[in-house]
Amino acid sequence: MTMTQFSREDMLICQGREEGREEGREEGIRAFILDKVEDGVAEGIIVKKLRKHFMLDEKTAREYYRACIK
């Protein structure tokens, strides 16, 4: 099926799925960080694991960390 064969409704459904995945991913990242903080894991280790498990760059991983510990 080509892109021209998709209806507008099909495109909106796909867009919604992508948005849902991104929201779910962000929730997972927050839960991961909060769990590690609760266990007393150091910031540097959390950032390293965020980069490894969620394929984040250093800056983004630190931004997530800082946002979660406020």
C-alpha atoms as a PDB file:
ATOM      1  CA  MET A   1       0.000   0.000   0.000  1.00  0.00           C
ATOM      2  CA  THR A   2       1.396   3.412  -0.885  1.00  0.00           C
ATOM      3  CA  MET A   3       1.000   6.616   1.086  1.00  0.00           C
ATOM      4  CA  THR A   4      -1.625   7.863  -1.392  1.00  0.00           C
ATOM      5  CA  GLN A   5      -3.785   4.817  -0.590  1.00  0.00           C
ATOM      6  CA  PHE A   6      -4.044   5.681   3.104  1.00  0.00           C
ATOM      7  CA  SER A   7      -7.127   7.621   4.127  1.00  0.00           C
ATOM      8  CA  ARG A   8      -6.902  10.668   6.364  1.00  0.00           C
ATOM      9  CA  GLU A   9      -8.342   8.543   9.167  1.00  0.00           C
ATOM     10  CA  ASP A  10      -5.587   5.946   8.693  1.00  0.00           C
ATOM     11  CA  MET A  11      -2.959   8.669   8.897  1.00  0.00           C
ATOM     12  CA  LEU A  12      -4.477  10.080  12.104  1.00  0.00           C
ATOM     13  CA  ILE A  13      -4.545   6.614  13.666  1.00  0.00           C
ATOM     14  CA  CYS A  14      -0.852   6.114  12.844  1.00  0.00           C
ATOM     15  CA  GLN A  15      -0.018   9.543  14.238  1.00  0.00           C
ATOM     16  CA  GLY A  16      -1.891   8.743  17.449  1.00  0.00           C
ATOM     17  CA  ARG A  17       0.003   5.496  17.857  1.00  0.00           C
ATOM     18  CA  GLU A  18       3.326   7.286  17.458  1.00  0.00           C
ATOM     19  CA  GLU A  19       2.331   9.919  20.014  1.00  0.00           C
ATOM     20  CA  GLY A  20       1.210   7.179  22.402  1.00  0.00           C
ATOM     21  CA  ARG A  21       4.515   5.357  22.035  1.00  0.00           C
ATOM     22  CA  GLU A  22       6.444   8.544  22.757  1.00  0.00           C
ATOM     23  CA  GLU A  23       4.340   9.280  25.843  1.00  0.00           C
ATOM     24  CA  GLY A  24       4.823   5.703  27.039  1.00  0.00           C
ATOM     25  CA  ARG A  25       8.557   5.945  26.489  1.00  0.00           C
ATOM     26  CA  GLU A  26       8.759   9.157  28.496  1.00  0.00           C
ATOM     27  CA  GLU A  27       6.754   7.580  31.325  1.00  0.00           C
ATOM     28  CA  GLY A  28       9.171   4.643  31.290  1.00  0.00           C
ATOM     29  CA  ILE A  29      12.157   6.961  31.463  1.00  0.00           C
ATOM     30  CA  ARG A  30      10.657   8.859  34.405  1.00  0.00           C
ATOM     31  CA  ALA A  31       9.856   5.628  36.253  1.00  0.00           C
ATOM     32  CA  PHE A  32      13.377   4.340  35.603  1.00  0.00           C
ATOM     33  CA  ILE A  33      14.967   7.508  36.975  1.00  0.00           C
ATOM     34  CA  LEU A  34      12.750   7.718  40.047  1.00  0.00           C
ATOM     35  CA  ASP A  35      13.377   4.053  40.851  1.00  0.00           C
ATOM     36  CA  LYS A  36      17.145   4.495  40.613  1.00  0.00           C
ATOM     37  CA  VAL A  37      17.066   7.686  42.699  1.00  0.00           C
ATOM     38  CA  GLU A  38      14.984   5.891  45.326  1.00  0.00           C
ATOM     39  CA  ASP A  39      17.639   3.167  45.450  1.00  0.00           C
ATOM     40  CA  GLY A  40      20.369   5.781  45.979  1.00  0.00           C
ATOM     41  CA  VAL A  41      22.064   5.350  42.602  1.00  0.00           C
ATOM     42  CA  ALA A  42      24.385   8.224  41.663  1.00  0.00           C
ATOM     43  CA  GLU A  43      23.423  10.677  38.914  1.00  0.00           C
ATOM     44  CA  GLY A  44      26.329   9.677  36.684  1.00  0.00           C
ATOM     45  CA  ILE A  45      25.347   6.014  36.742  1.00  0.00           C
ATOM     46  CA  ILE A  46      21.690   6.831  36.050  1.00  0.00           C
ATOM     47  CA  VAL A  47      22.669   9.001  33.092  1.00  0.00           C
ATOM     48  CA  LYS A  48      24.948   6.260  31.763  1.00  0.00           C
ATOM     49  CA  LYS A  49      22.137   3.688  32.022  1.00  0.00           C
ATOM     50  CA  LEU A  50      19.629   6.072  30.399  1.00  0.00           C
ATOM     51  CA  ARG A  51      21.996   6.454  27.467  1.00  0.00           C
ATOM     52  CA  LYS A  52      22.450   2.697  27.193  1.00  0.00           C
ATOM     53  CA  HIS A  53      18.866   1.518  27.669  1.00  0.00           C
ATOM     54  CA  PHE A  54      16.967   4.368  26.029  1.00  0.00           C
ATOM     55  CA  MET A  55      19.506   5.342  23.363  1.00  0.00           C
ATOM     56  CA  LEU A  56      19.736   8.939  24.588  1.00  0.00           C
ATOM     57  CA  ASP A  57      22.595  11.356  24.103  1.00  0.00           C
ATOM     58  CA  GLU A  58      24.329  12.771  27.177  1.00  0.00           C
ATOM     59  CA  LYS A  59      22.507  16.114  27.113  1.00  0.00           C
ATOM     60  CA  THR A  60      19.034  14.585  26.771  1.00  0.00           C
ATOM     61  CA  ALA A  61      19.690  12.004  29.489  1.00  0.00           C
ATOM     62  CA  ARG A  62      20.782  14.746  31.901  1.00  0.00           C
ATOM     63  CA  GLU A  63      17.743  16.866  31.008  1.00  0.00           C
ATOM     64  CA  TYR A  64      15.412  13.953  31.824  1.00  0.00           C
ATOM     65  CA  TYR A  65      17.274  13.351  35.083  1.00  0.00           C
ATOM     66  CA  ARG A  66      17.065  16.984  36.180  1.00  0.00           C
ATOM     67  CA  ALA A  67      13.386  17.234  35.231  1.00  0.00           C
ATOM     68  CA  CYS A  68      12.532  14.158  37.282  1.00  0.00           C
ATOM     69  CA  ILE A  69      14.325  15.093  40.468  1.00  0.00           C
ATOM     70  CA  LYS A  70      12.776  18.545  40.846  1.00  0.00           C
END
